[in-house]
Protein backbone atom coordinates (compact mmCIF):
# COMPACT_ATOMS: atom_id res chain seq x y z
CA MET A 1 4.98 -25.66 3.94
CA LEU A 2 7.32 -24.29 6.60
CA ASP A 3 7.24 -20.81 4.97
CA LEU A 4 3.31 -21.06 4.65
CA ARG A 5 2.89 -21.83 8.40
CA ILE A 6 5.31 -19.08 9.58
CA GLY A 7 3.86 -16.40 7.34
CA ALA A 8 0.33 -17.39 7.96
CA ARG A 9 0.85 -17.31 11.78
CA ALA A 10 2.55 -14.03 11.42
CA ALA A 11 -0.39 -12.15 9.51
CA LEU A 12 -3.09 -13.78 11.63
CA ALA A 13 -1.27 -12.70 14.85
CA LEU A 14 -0.81 -9.29 13.60
CA ALA A 15 -4.40 -8.96 12.56
CA ALA A 16 -5.62 -10.23 16.07
CA ALA A 17 -3.08 -8.06 17.96
CA SER A 18 -4.63 -5.05 16.14
CA GLY A 19 -8.03 -5.78 17.49
CA PRO A 20 -11.17 -7.37 16.00
CA ALA A 21 -12.15 -4.05 14.19
CA THR A 22 -8.78 -4.06 12.25
CA ALA A 23 -9.38 -7.77 11.17
CA ARG A 24 -12.85 -7.04 9.93
CA GLU A 25 -11.76 -4.03 8.13
CA LEU A 26 -8.90 -5.87 6.18
CA VAL A 27 -10.90 -5.07 2.83
CA THR A 28 -12.24 -1.83 3.83
CA GLU A 29 -10.72 1.60 4.54
CA SER A 30 -9.70 3.49 7.43
CA PRO A 31 -11.82 6.05 8.97
CA GLU A 32 -10.08 8.83 7.41
CA LYS A 33 -10.82 7.64 4.00
CA SER A 34 -14.12 7.19 2.17
CA GLU A 35 -15.38 3.62 1.85
CA THR A 36 -16.55 4.12 -1.80
CA SER A 37 -14.94 5.56 -5.03
CA GLY A 38 -17.05 8.73 -4.79
CA SER A 39 -20.37 10.01 -5.86
CA PRO A 40 -21.34 11.37 -9.29
CA ALA A 41 -21.49 14.82 -7.88
CA SER A 42 -17.76 14.92 -6.92
CA SER A 43 -16.54 13.40 -10.24
CA ALA A 44 -13.57 15.27 -11.85
CA ARG A 45 -13.48 16.09 -15.40
CA PRO A 46 -9.95 17.26 -16.25
CA THR A 47 -9.75 19.57 -19.20
CA THR A 48 -5.94 19.22 -19.88
CA ALA A 49 -3.51 16.39 -20.39
CA ALA A 50 -1.82 17.37 -17.24
CA GLY A 51 -5.13 16.89 -15.46
CA TRP A 52 -5.78 13.43 -16.97
CA LEU A 53 -2.13 12.53 -15.91
CA VAL A 54 -2.75 13.59 -12.33
CA LEU A 55 -5.95 11.32 -12.28
CA ALA A 56 -4.07 8.32 -13.97
CA VAL A 57 -1.33 8.49 -11.25
CA ALA A 58 -3.51 9.39 -8.25
CA THR A 59 -5.96 6.56 -8.93
CA ALA A 60 -3.36 4.07 -10.06
CA GLY A 61 -4.58 3.71 -13.54
CA GLY A 62 -8.08 3.63 -12.46
CA ALA A 63 -7.93 1.30 -9.47
CA GLY A 64 -9.23 3.93 -7.27
CA TYR A 65 -12.66 3.82 -8.99
CA GLY A 66 -13.22 0.44 -7.70
CA PRO A 67 -16.87 0.10 -6.51
CA TYR A 68 -16.13 -0.53 -2.85
CA ALA A 69 -12.90 -0.14 -0.68
CA PRO A 70 -10.85 1.31 -3.30
CA GLY A 71 -7.79 1.43 -0.97
CA THR A 72 -7.90 -2.52 -1.35
CA PHE A 73 -7.78 -2.17 -5.07
CA GLY A 74 -5.05 0.26 -4.75
CA SER A 75 -2.95 -2.35 -2.61
CA ALA A 76 -3.77 -5.03 -5.12
CA ALA A 77 -2.40 -2.75 -7.87
CA GLY A 78 0.64 -2.38 -5.69
CA VAL A 79 1.34 -6.11 -5.61
CA ILE A 80 0.79 -6.39 -9.51
CA LEU A 81 3.22 -3.53 -10.06
CA PHE A 82 5.74 -5.27 -7.80
CA LEU A 83 6.00 -8.14 -10.18
CA PRO A 84 7.76 -6.26 -12.97
CA LEU A 85 9.70 -3.92 -10.51
CA ALA A 86 11.04 -7.03 -8.80
CA GLY A 87 13.26 -7.78 -11.80
CA LEU A 88 15.09 -4.42 -11.30
CA GLY A 89 17.02 -5.77 -8.30
CA PHE A 90 16.87 -4.24 -4.84
CA PRO A 91 18.73 -0.85 -5.30
CA LEU A 92 16.72 0.17 -8.35
CA PHE A 93 13.49 -0.95 -6.81
CA VAL A 94 14.13 1.37 -3.94
CA LEU A 95 15.11 4.07 -6.25
CA THR A 96 11.84 3.40 -8.42
CA THR A 97 9.74 3.26 -5.31
CA ALA A 98 11.09 6.63 -4.03
CA ALA A 99 10.48 8.25 -7.32
CA LEU A 100 6.94 6.78 -7.48
CA THR A 101 6.25 8.02 -3.88
CA ALA A 102 7.47 11.72 -5.00
CA LEU A 103 5.19 11.40 -8.06
CA GLY A 104 2.36 10.20 -5.98
CA VAL A 105 2.78 13.08 -3.41
CA TRP A 106 2.45 15.60 -6.29
CA ALA A 107 -0.56 13.78 -8.00
CA ALA A 108 -2.43 13.32 -4.54
CA ASP A 109 -2.04 17.11 -4.02
CA GLU A 110 -3.31 18.04 -7.48
CA ALA A 111 -6.14 15.38 -7.15
CA GLU A 112 -7.39 16.72 -3.90
CA ARG A 113 -8.03 19.76 -5.84
CA LEU A 114 -9.79 18.06 -8.70
CA PHE A 115 -12.04 15.99 -6.43
CA GLU A 116 -12.54 18.89 -3.95
CA LYS A 117 -12.14 16.57 -1.04
CA LYS A 118 -9.25 15.76 1.39
CA ASP A 119 -7.79 12.27 0.95
CA ASP A 120 -10.62 11.28 -1.50
CA GLY A 121 -11.12 7.53 -1.46
CA ARG A 122 -10.33 7.47 -5.21
CA ILE A 123 -6.69 8.64 -4.47
CA VAL A 124 -4.86 5.23 -4.09
CA ILE A 125 -1.37 6.01 -5.36
CA ASP A 126 -0.58 5.98 -1.42
CA GLU A 127 -1.76 2.33 -1.13
CA VAL A 128 0.64 1.55 -4.06
CA ALA A 129 3.61 3.26 -2.67
CA GLY A 130 2.91 1.66 0.79
CA GLN A 131 2.42 -1.87 -0.54
CA LEU A 132 5.74 -1.70 -2.50
CA VAL A 133 7.67 -0.80 0.66
CA THR A 134 6.07 -3.64 2.54
CA LEU A 135 7.06 -6.08 -0.23
CA SER A 136 10.62 -4.74 -0.32
CA PRO A 137 12.19 -7.19 2.05
CA LEU A 138 11.69 -9.99 -0.46
CA LEU A 139 14.07 -8.54 -2.86
CA LEU A 140 16.81 -7.90 -0.18
CA LEU A 141 16.53 -11.09 1.97
CA ALA A 142 15.00 -13.76 -0.43
CA PRO A 143 14.75 -12.58 -4.08
CA GLU A 144 13.96 -16.09 -5.18
CA LYS A 145 10.59 -15.89 -3.33
CA SER A 146 9.67 -12.56 -4.87
CA PHE A 147 7.19 -14.35 -7.12
CA SER A 148 5.91 -16.56 -4.51
CA PRO A 149 2.04 -16.34 -4.45
CA PHE A 150 2.06 -17.10 -0.69
CA TRP A 151 4.49 -14.23 0.21
CA LEU A 152 2.85 -11.81 -2.10
CA VAL A 153 -0.44 -12.55 -0.45
CA THR A 154 1.09 -12.32 3.11
CA GLY A 155 2.62 -8.93 2.22
CA PHE A 156 -0.70 -7.93 1.07
CA VAL A 157 -2.43 -8.86 4.06
CA VAL A 158 0.22 -7.34 6.38
CA PHE A 159 0.12 -3.99 4.59
CA ARG A 160 -3.72 -3.73 4.80
CA VAL A 161 -3.51 -4.38 8.56
CA PHE A 162 -1.08 -1.45 9.06
CA ASP A 163 -2.70 0.77 6.63
CA ILE A 164 -5.96 0.47 8.55
CA TRP A 165 -4.47 0.44 11.93
CA LYS A 166 -1.96 3.32 11.20
CA PRO A 167 0.20 2.84 14.49
CA GLY A 168 1.94 5.77 16.02
CA PRO A 169 3.94 7.89 13.39
CA ALA A 170 1.51 6.67 10.71
CA ARG A 171 -1.46 8.22 12.35
CA TRP A 172 0.54 11.31 13.23
CA ALA A 173 1.42 11.81 9.41
CA GLU A 174 -2.25 11.39 8.38
CA ARG A 175 -3.47 13.90 10.89
CA ASN A 176 -0.75 16.59 10.68
CA LEU A 177 0.96 16.51 7.18
CA ARG A 178 -0.84 18.68 4.58
CA GLY A 179 -1.89 18.01 0.90
CA GLY A 180 -0.32 15.34 -0.95
CA MET A 181 2.33 14.55 1.89
CA GLY A 182 -0.64 13.79 4.26
CA VAL A 183 -2.21 11.58 1.94
CA VAL A 184 0.85 9.53 0.90
CA MET A 185 3.29 9.55 3.71
CA ASP A 186 1.08 7.89 6.44
CA ASP A 187 0.80 4.96 4.00
CA VAL A 188 4.53 4.80 3.34
CA ILE A 189 5.09 4.82 7.08
CA ALA A 190 2.59 1.90 7.45
CA GLY A 191 4.50 0.21 4.69
CA PHE A 192 7.75 0.46 6.72
CA PHE A 193 5.95 -1.34 9.64
CA GLY A 194 4.69 -3.85 7.24
CA ALA A 195 8.38 -4.38 5.95
CA LEU A 196 9.64 -5.12 9.40
CA VAL A 197 7.06 -7.73 9.84
CA MET A 198 7.74 -9.28 6.40
CA ALA A 199 11.55 -9.14 7.00
CA ALA A 200 11.17 -11.02 10.44
CA ALA A 201 8.81 -13.57 8.87
CA ILE A 202 11.19 -14.33 5.87
CA ALA A 203 14.34 -14.32 8.22
CA VAL A 204 12.71 -16.87 10.52
CA GLY A 205 11.57 -19.01 7.46
CA LEU A 206 15.20 -18.87 6.07
CA VAL A 207 16.63 -19.95 9.39
CA LEU A 208 14.12 -22.73 10.07
CA GLY A 209 13.51 -24.04 6.64
CA GLY A 210 16.61 -22.93 4.43
CA ALA A 211 16.51 -20.51 1.46
CA ALA A 212 14.58 -22.80 -0.77
């Protein structure tokens, strides 16, 4: 119960500090991204196996085709992917997340060409990578809490706040980096901000309530 109160207060305070607009947009997208998964006119039809691989990675296995706010579906896919990856332990988790991020940069770059649109809303591998970064403190500080529904939901909300808010370096990366780097790295940076909040909340919970 102590962890519940601490994490809930942290997430709510973060959303409130980010402003009413950010709180309302927790299940929508940032202004730079489409709010829908795209129109039929912009549908991509790959003609090669490599093209289908690009779409599979860029859309996180189809999560990006969610009917509304595909980035939220992408973040949810990141939480789901975290569950099997958590069993790797922190060092391998970090390496796997780094590899996924690099793969995501390539796929996002290629997907922009297929969709003929910069940072198309259907590209959600960036949300997957950023969500994994935000959840990483669980493995480092409290691995026994890695499968806690409360902490997974808290990590999801915290990342969505930072992904929409995009403070400082995240906004710079979104506006100045090109191609796949511009699509992915702003979310990864937002994920690092989220990881700091998660680490602080977990640490306070451990100090006040013990490791259980």
